[in-house]
């Protein structure tokens, strides 16, 4: 992988009050944009996922933010850390601003969107909906983001109750506010209107709720739903909510149900995408659906990991000292951190042999121990 943009974010040495306002942050020129448009994706990363905050007002029963509340590290990403990601943003097709928290709680979320857009990224995020009001909805509609998804685990108050503290009615109203703002603002001058999606978590104890999803998408004018399953078990006794590759009967029932629901949505002009674990998926293809060969996750402290599941802010240890490669690559339990943009240039972290070896091993089906049981390796 090329090592571009390894300079410090403030190339002119200026001591700026606002790290996001560095004059070195210049948008791609006409020729570069034309080359990307004509030749296709030329950027090294398909997606840079950024945890802008790990704070959240929800108490979802399956989330480690709830189950590990006593040791959870809730924090916003500092502006200087997001500014340090500029080289990665310039090398990414998409910036997805989401980690282990509610991104719209960050006071500068929309400024982060603006900087990622300036870098030439498509920008997306996922929200629980609690923060939404009419003013924020309008700013989001005008932001240049191409996608905002709203999280659900059900299609009414009863089936969505696993998202404690996030009333279903509040999510419904948030979608309506955003849809109204999009209609009022019209098409942005430099792109398509913001799309609204659902990010639907299929829990095995309430599968039938998904049958009402096409009607809900119609009611709220939601273009697409992406259905996922519980890939990270915050507690061992929540395994019954998930779908393991060996649970054949359970998976067959879920696949039949989702295929039926997706077909109904198609008749309404809506799209439902889904992926379920399959025992043969790893042998067939290798790698994992997190696409770690062309994506990267950055936590709110600026530490780079292969994916969000390998960097949960549950009583995380202090970042290793600069140059302490063994401590960085060793990780902590399932945590795998390969560097910190506060101490190292981001592309240098990406190009470290131990990070490259991690990615290559996963692709050839010889993954790190932290990935062995992850359902993402088995999904298709």
Protein backbone atom coordinates (compact mmCIF):
# COMPACT_ATOMS: atom_id res chain seq x y z
CA UNK A 1 0.00 0.00 0.00
CA UNK A 2 1.28 3.44 -0.84
CA UNK A 3 2.36 5.70 2.02
CA UNK A 4 0.81 9.03 1.10
CA UNK A 5 0.01 11.92 3.37
CA UNK A 6 2.42 10.90 6.10
CA UNK A 7 3.14 14.51 6.98
CA UNK A 8 1.78 16.06 10.17
CA UNK A 9 -1.74 17.45 9.72
CA UNK A 10 -0.52 21.02 10.27
CA UNK A 11 2.04 21.04 7.48
CA UNK A 12 2.74 24.77 7.79
CA UNK A 13 3.38 24.50 11.53
CA UNK A 14 0.56 26.90 12.32
CA UNK A 15 -0.90 26.84 15.81
CA UNK A 16 -4.57 26.85 14.87
CA UNK A 17 -7.41 27.41 17.29
CA UNK A 18 -9.56 25.05 15.27
CA UNK A 19 -7.71 21.93 14.10
CA UNK A 20 -10.37 21.35 11.43
CA UNK A 21 -9.58 24.71 9.78
CA UNK A 22 -6.01 23.87 8.72
CA UNK A 23 -5.39 25.50 5.31
CA UNK A 24 -3.53 22.34 4.29
CA UNK A 25 -6.89 20.56 4.12
CA UNK A 26 -7.61 21.19 0.46
CA UNK A 27 -10.27 19.40 -1.53
CA UNK A 28 -9.26 17.17 -4.46
CA UNK A 29 -8.68 19.19 -7.62
CA UNK A 30 -10.66 18.89 -10.83
CA UNK A 31 -8.16 16.56 -12.52
CA UNK A 32 -8.04 14.20 -9.55
CA UNK A 33 -11.83 14.04 -9.35
CA UNK A 34 -12.06 13.47 -13.10
CA UNK A 35 -9.49 10.66 -12.91
CA UNK A 36 -11.41 8.96 -10.10
CA UNK A 37 -14.69 9.32 -11.99
CA UNK A 38 -13.26 7.92 -15.24
CA UNK A 39 -11.01 5.18 -13.88
CA UNK A 40 -13.13 4.06 -10.94
CA UNK A 41 -12.04 3.70 -7.32
CA UNK A 42 -8.40 4.69 -7.06
CA UNK A 43 -8.33 5.26 -3.32
CA UNK A 44 -6.72 2.57 -1.14
CA UNK A 45 -9.63 2.34 1.33
CA UNK A 46 -13.23 1.54 0.48
CA UNK A 47 -14.29 2.76 3.92
CA UNK A 48 -12.78 4.54 6.90
CA UNK A 49 -15.00 3.92 9.94
CA UNK A 50 -14.58 6.55 12.64
CA UNK A 51 -15.89 6.37 16.19
CA UNK A 52 -16.68 10.04 16.79
CA UNK A 53 -18.07 9.18 20.24
CA UNK A 54 -18.67 6.20 22.52
CA UNK A 55 -21.36 8.03 24.49
CA UNK A 56 -24.99 7.01 24.10
CA UNK A 57 -28.28 7.69 25.87
CA UNK A 58 -29.68 4.27 24.96
CA UNK A 59 -29.47 1.13 27.11
CA UNK A 60 -29.81 -1.60 24.49
CA UNK A 61 -29.70 -4.93 26.29
CA UNK A 62 -27.26 -6.54 23.81
CA UNK A 63 -24.76 -3.65 23.71
CA UNK A 64 -21.54 -3.63 25.79
CA UNK A 65 -22.26 0.03 26.53
CA UNK A 66 -25.05 -1.34 28.74
CA UNK A 67 -23.62 -4.65 29.93
CA UNK A 68 -20.22 -3.13 30.79
CA UNK A 69 -21.54 0.21 32.07
CA UNK A 70 -19.30 0.15 35.16
CA UNK A 71 -16.11 0.03 33.08
CA UNK A 72 -17.24 1.73 29.87
CA UNK A 73 -14.99 4.48 28.50
CA UNK A 74 -17.42 7.11 27.27
CA UNK A 75 -15.72 9.96 25.42
CA UNK A 76 -16.00 12.22 22.38
CA UNK A 77 -13.28 12.23 19.74
CA UNK A 78 -11.17 15.42 20.10
CA UNK A 79 -11.09 17.70 17.06
CA UNK A 80 -7.32 17.33 16.80
CA UNK A 81 -7.69 13.57 16.42
CA UNK A 82 -10.25 13.88 13.62
CA UNK A 83 -7.99 16.42 11.91
CA UNK A 84 -5.11 13.93 12.11
CA UNK A 85 -7.20 11.52 10.02
CA UNK A 86 -7.04 13.82 6.97
CA UNK A 87 -4.51 11.61 5.12
CA UNK A 88 -6.78 8.57 5.59
CA UNK A 89 -9.85 10.54 4.54
CA UNK A 90 -8.06 11.58 1.34
CA UNK A 91 -7.43 7.89 0.69
CA UNK A 92 -10.95 6.61 1.45
CA UNK A 93 -13.99 6.27 -0.77
CA UNK A 94 -16.34 6.57 2.22
CA UNK A 95 -16.18 7.85 5.79
CA UNK A 96 -18.67 6.08 8.05
CA UNK A 97 -18.94 8.08 11.27
CA UNK A 98 -19.99 5.44 13.75
CA UNK A 99 -18.46 3.46 16.58
CA UNK A 100 -19.77 2.31 19.96
CA UNK A 101 -21.94 5.37 20.60
CA UNK A 102 -24.56 7.75 19.20
CA UNK A 103 -22.67 9.89 16.66
CA UNK A 104 -25.15 12.79 16.65
CA UNK A 105 -24.24 13.48 20.29
CA UNK A 106 -20.86 14.81 19.20
CA UNK A 107 -21.09 18.63 19.23
CA UNK A 108 -19.06 18.89 15.99
CA UNK A 109 -20.54 15.97 14.10
CA UNK A 110 -21.56 18.14 11.15
CA UNK A 111 -18.14 19.80 11.05
CA UNK A 112 -16.61 16.34 10.81
CA UNK A 113 -19.00 15.56 7.96
CA UNK A 114 -17.88 18.74 6.20
CA UNK A 115 -14.18 17.89 6.51
CA UNK A 116 -14.73 14.34 5.23
CA UNK A 117 -16.72 15.73 2.31
CA UNK A 118 -13.89 18.18 1.56
CA UNK A 119 -11.54 15.21 1.42
CA UNK A 120 -13.71 13.71 -1.32
CA UNK A 121 -15.42 11.03 0.77
CA UNK A 122 -18.99 9.90 0.64
CA UNK A 123 -20.21 10.25 4.24
CA UNK A 124 -22.67 8.10 6.17
CA UNK A 125 -23.65 7.33 9.73
CA UNK A 126 -26.16 5.41 11.87
CA UNK A 127 -28.26 6.93 14.65
CA UNK A 128 -30.65 5.73 17.34
CA UNK A 129 -32.80 8.81 16.65
CA UNK A 130 -32.90 10.30 20.16
CA UNK A 131 -30.97 13.43 19.25
CA UNK A 132 -33.12 14.42 16.25
CA UNK A 133 -35.13 17.63 16.10
CA UNK A 134 -36.33 19.82 13.22
CA UNK A 135 -33.26 22.07 13.25
CA UNK A 136 -30.80 19.18 13.25
CA UNK A 137 -32.79 17.39 10.56
CA UNK A 138 -32.47 20.40 8.25
CA UNK A 139 -28.72 20.69 8.85
CA UNK A 140 -28.30 16.99 8.11
CA UNK A 141 -30.33 17.32 4.91
CA UNK A 142 -28.06 20.17 3.81
CA UNK A 143 -24.80 18.56 4.97
CA UNK A 144 -23.87 16.64 1.82
CA UNK A 145 -24.10 13.27 3.60
CA UNK A 146 -25.45 10.60 1.28
CA UNK A 147 -26.85 8.23 3.92
CA UNK A 148 -28.18 8.18 7.46
CA UNK A 149 -29.53 4.91 8.89
CA UNK A 150 -31.75 4.50 11.95
CA UNK A 151 -31.28 1.48 14.23
CA UNK A 152 -34.12 -0.95 14.97
CA UNK A 153 -34.58 -4.44 16.38
CA UNK A 154 -38.35 -4.52 15.92
CA UNK A 155 -41.24 -2.87 14.11
CA UNK A 156 -43.32 -1.65 17.05
CA UNK A 157 -42.86 -0.69 20.71
CA UNK A 158 -43.08 -4.29 21.94
CA UNK A 159 -40.64 -5.92 19.55
CA UNK A 160 -38.22 -2.97 19.69
CA UNK A 161 -38.06 -3.04 23.49
CA UNK A 162 -34.56 -4.54 23.53
CA UNK A 163 -33.44 -1.02 22.62
CA UNK A 164 -34.20 0.20 26.14
CA UNK A 165 -34.31 3.97 26.49
CA UNK A 166 -34.99 4.41 22.76
CA UNK A 167 -38.78 4.41 22.29
CA UNK A 168 -39.96 3.14 18.92
CA UNK A 169 -42.24 6.17 18.60
CA UNK A 170 -39.20 8.45 18.98
CA UNK A 171 -37.41 6.69 16.14
CA UNK A 172 -40.50 6.95 13.94
CA UNK A 173 -40.77 10.68 14.63
CA UNK A 174 -37.05 11.20 13.92
CA UNK A 175 -37.40 9.55 10.52
CA UNK A 176 -40.40 11.75 9.74
CA UNK A 177 -38.52 14.91 10.74
CA UNK A 178 -35.58 14.02 8.53
CA UNK A 179 -37.77 13.04 5.58
CA UNK A 180 -39.62 16.36 5.85
CA UNK A 181 -36.33 18.28 5.93
CA UNK A 182 -35.05 16.43 2.86
CA UNK A 183 -38.21 17.31 0.94
CA UNK A 184 -37.97 20.96 1.99
CA UNK A 185 -34.32 21.42 1.08
CA UNK A 186 -34.55 19.61 -2.26
CA UNK A 187 -31.56 18.24 -4.17
CA UNK A 188 -28.17 19.61 -3.06
CA UNK A 189 -26.20 21.40 -5.78
CA UNK A 190 -23.29 18.95 -5.56
CA UNK A 191 -25.03 15.58 -5.16
CA UNK A 192 -28.12 13.50 -4.53
CA UNK A 193 -30.49 14.03 -1.59
CA UNK A 194 -29.68 12.28 1.68
CA UNK A 195 -31.00 8.71 1.73
CA UNK A 196 -32.71 7.29 4.81
CA UNK A 197 -32.13 3.61 5.63
CA UNK A 198 -32.92 1.29 8.51
CA UNK A 199 -30.14 -0.68 10.19
CA UNK A 200 -32.19 -3.62 11.42
CA UNK A 201 -30.69 -6.05 13.93
CA UNK A 202 -32.44 -9.41 13.60
CA UNK A 203 -32.64 -10.98 17.05
CA UNK A 204 -33.54 -14.66 17.07
CA UNK A 205 -36.17 -14.28 19.81
CA UNK A 206 -38.32 -11.88 17.74
CA UNK A 207 -37.80 -12.83 14.11
CA UNK A 208 -41.44 -12.47 13.10
CA UNK A 209 -41.33 -8.70 13.74
CA UNK A 210 -39.42 -8.31 10.48
CA UNK A 211 -42.58 -9.26 8.55
CA UNK A 212 -43.91 -5.74 9.19
CA UNK A 213 -40.76 -4.10 7.88
CA UNK A 214 -41.92 -3.47 4.26
CA UNK A 215 -45.07 -1.69 5.49
CA UNK A 216 -43.02 0.40 7.92
CA UNK A 217 -40.61 1.37 5.14
CA UNK A 218 -43.59 2.45 3.04
CA UNK A 219 -45.12 4.43 5.88
CA UNK A 220 -41.90 6.37 6.59
CA UNK A 221 -40.57 6.47 3.00
CA UNK A 222 -37.36 4.60 3.82
CA UNK A 223 -35.45 3.49 0.72
CA UNK A 224 -33.49 0.53 2.07
CA UNK A 225 -33.04 -1.69 5.10
CA UNK A 226 -29.84 -3.59 5.84
CA UNK A 227 -30.56 -6.55 8.12
CA UNK A 228 -27.69 -7.85 10.26
CA UNK A 229 -27.42 -10.30 13.14
CA UNK A 230 -25.83 -10.09 16.58
CA UNK A 231 -22.15 -10.48 15.72
CA UNK A 232 -20.74 -9.32 19.06
CA UNK A 233 -21.94 -11.13 22.17
CA UNK A 234 -21.69 -8.72 25.08
CA UNK A 235 -22.69 -11.53 27.47
CA UNK A 236 -22.40 -15.31 26.94
CA UNK A 237 -26.02 -15.85 27.98
CA UNK A 238 -27.18 -13.78 24.98
CA UNK A 239 -26.13 -16.47 22.50
CA UNK A 240 -29.78 -17.38 21.99
CA UNK A 241 -30.29 -13.96 20.37
CA UNK A 242 -27.62 -14.63 17.75
CA UNK A 243 -27.22 -17.00 14.80
CA UNK A 244 -24.21 -19.32 14.89
CA UNK A 245 -22.97 -21.03 11.69
CA UNK A 246 -23.78 -24.49 13.06
CA UNK A 247 -27.41 -23.64 13.93
CA UNK A 248 -28.70 -24.94 10.61
CA UNK A 249 -32.41 -25.19 11.39
CA UNK A 250 -32.47 -21.72 12.92
CA UNK A 251 -30.62 -20.25 9.93
CA UNK A 252 -32.86 -21.93 7.37
CA UNK A 253 -35.93 -20.44 9.06
CA UNK A 254 -34.34 -16.98 9.17
CA UNK A 255 -33.26 -17.12 5.52
CA UNK A 256 -36.69 -18.24 4.33
CA UNK A 257 -38.32 -15.44 6.32
CA UNK A 258 -35.92 -12.76 5.06
CA UNK A 259 -36.23 -13.86 1.45
CA UNK A 260 -40.02 -13.59 1.71
CA UNK A 261 -39.84 -10.15 3.34
CA UNK A 262 -37.27 -8.89 0.82
CA UNK A 263 -39.49 -10.03 -2.05
CA UNK A 264 -42.47 -8.17 -0.59
CA UNK A 265 -40.38 -5.03 -0.13
CA UNK A 266 -39.32 -5.22 -3.77
CA UNK A 267 -42.95 -5.16 -4.88
CA UNK A 268 -43.28 -1.89 -2.97
CA UNK A 269 -40.18 -0.39 -4.59
CA UNK A 270 -38.10 -0.86 -1.41
CA UNK A 271 -34.88 -2.80 -0.90
CA UNK A 272 -33.96 -5.17 1.93
CA UNK A 273 -30.42 -6.55 2.07
CA UNK A 274 -29.41 -9.25 4.53
CA UNK A 275 -26.56 -11.59 5.36
CA UNK A 276 -26.59 -14.70 7.55
CA UNK A 277 -23.82 -17.00 8.69
CA UNK A 278 -23.21 -20.09 6.59
CA UNK A 279 -20.92 -22.97 7.61
CA UNK A 280 -19.36 -23.15 4.14
CA UNK A 281 -18.75 -19.41 3.65
CA UNK A 282 -15.18 -19.24 4.96
CA UNK A 283 -14.03 -22.28 3.01
CA UNK A 284 -15.55 -20.82 -0.14
CA UNK A 285 -14.29 -17.26 -0.01
CA UNK A 286 -12.01 -16.45 2.91
CA UNK A 287 -11.73 -13.07 4.57
CA UNK A 288 -14.73 -11.52 6.27
CA UNK A 289 -17.59 -9.15 5.54
CA UNK A 290 -15.82 -6.33 7.36
CA UNK A 291 -13.51 -6.10 4.32
CA UNK A 292 -10.42 -5.45 6.46
CA UNK A 293 -8.15 -5.52 3.38
CA UNK A 294 -9.68 -2.23 2.23
CA UNK A 295 -11.14 -0.69 5.38
CA UNK A 296 -10.00 0.53 8.77
CA UNK A 297 -11.53 1.46 12.11
CA UNK A 298 -10.41 4.42 14.23
CA UNK A 299 -11.62 4.76 17.81
CA UNK A 300 -12.39 8.04 19.57
CA UNK A 301 -8.82 8.20 20.90
CA UNK A 302 -7.32 7.90 17.41
CA UNK A 303 -6.23 4.27 17.63
CA UNK A 304 -6.38 2.14 14.48
CA UNK A 305 -7.88 -1.35 14.45
CA UNK A 306 -9.04 -3.72 11.70
CA UNK A 307 -12.71 -3.39 12.69
CA UNK A 308 -15.10 -2.08 15.32
CA UNK A 309 -15.43 -5.50 17.01
CA UNK A 310 -11.72 -5.56 17.86
CA UNK A 311 -11.70 -2.21 19.66
CA UNK A 312 -14.51 -2.09 22.23
CA UNK A 313 -13.92 0.72 24.78
CA UNK A 314 -14.55 -1.46 27.81
CA UNK A 315 -11.91 -0.51 30.37
CA UNK A 316 -9.36 -0.10 27.59
CA UNK A 317 -5.73 0.10 28.72
CA UNK A 318 -3.70 3.26 28.06
CA UNK A 319 -2.30 3.53 24.55
CA UNK A 320 1.18 1.96 24.32
CA UNK A 321 4.19 4.22 24.20
CA UNK A 322 5.30 5.29 20.75
CA UNK A 323 7.47 2.59 19.20
CA UNK A 324 6.20 -0.16 21.50
CA UNK A 325 5.20 -2.35 18.56
CA UNK A 326 4.80 -5.56 20.55
CA UNK A 327 2.34 -3.96 22.99
CA UNK A 328 0.40 -2.41 20.13
CA UNK A 329 0.01 -5.59 18.09
CA UNK A 330 -0.55 -7.92 21.04
CA UNK A 331 -3.82 -6.24 21.96
CA UNK A 332 -5.89 -6.89 25.05
CA UNK A 333 -8.15 -9.96 24.90
CA UNK A 334 -10.10 -9.42 21.68
CA UNK A 335 -8.73 -5.88 21.24
CA UNK A 336 -6.30 -5.36 18.37
CA UNK A 337 -4.74 -1.90 18.09
CA UNK A 338 -1.87 -1.22 15.70
CA UNK A 339 -1.11 2.43 16.32
CA UNK A 340 -2.28 5.86 17.43
CA UNK A 341 -2.60 8.85 15.09
CA UNK A 342 -1.64 11.14 17.98
CA UNK A 343 1.85 9.61 17.85
CA UNK A 344 2.28 8.27 14.31
CA UNK A 345 1.26 9.20 10.77
CA UNK A 346 -1.84 7.17 9.87
CA UNK A 347 -0.54 5.58 6.67
CA UNK A 348 2.59 4.44 8.50
CA UNK A 349 0.33 2.62 10.95
CA UNK A 350 -1.62 1.02 8.07
CA UNK A 351 1.63 -0.11 6.43
CA UNK A 352 3.17 -1.67 9.57
CA UNK A 353 4.18 -5.29 8.87
CA UNK A 354 2.12 -6.60 11.78
CA UNK A 355 -1.01 -4.81 10.52
CA UNK A 356 -0.42 -6.02 6.97
CA UNK A 357 0.16 -9.56 8.27
CA UNK A 358 -3.13 -9.44 10.21
CA UNK A 359 -5.05 -8.49 7.08
CA UNK A 360 -3.31 -11.04 4.87
CA UNK A 361 -3.85 -13.88 7.36
CA UNK A 362 -7.58 -13.18 7.51
CA UNK A 363 -7.90 -13.21 3.73
CA UNK A 364 -6.15 -16.59 3.44
CA UNK A 365 -8.32 -18.15 6.18
CA UNK A 366 -5.60 -18.27 8.81
CA UNK A 367 -6.93 -15.50 11.05
CA UNK A 368 -5.74 -14.05 14.32
CA UNK A 369 -7.20 -15.83 17.35
CA UNK A 370 -9.46 -12.83 18.01
CA UNK A 371 -11.28 -13.50 14.71
CA UNK A 372 -11.66 -17.28 14.81
CA UNK A 373 -15.20 -17.38 16.15
CA UNK A 374 -16.50 -14.13 14.69
CA UNK A 375 -19.70 -14.64 12.65
CA UNK A 376 -18.56 -12.00 10.16
CA UNK A 377 -16.17 -14.61 8.73
CA UNK A 378 -19.11 -16.91 7.99
CA UNK A 379 -21.69 -14.52 6.60
CA UNK A 380 -22.96 -14.69 3.07
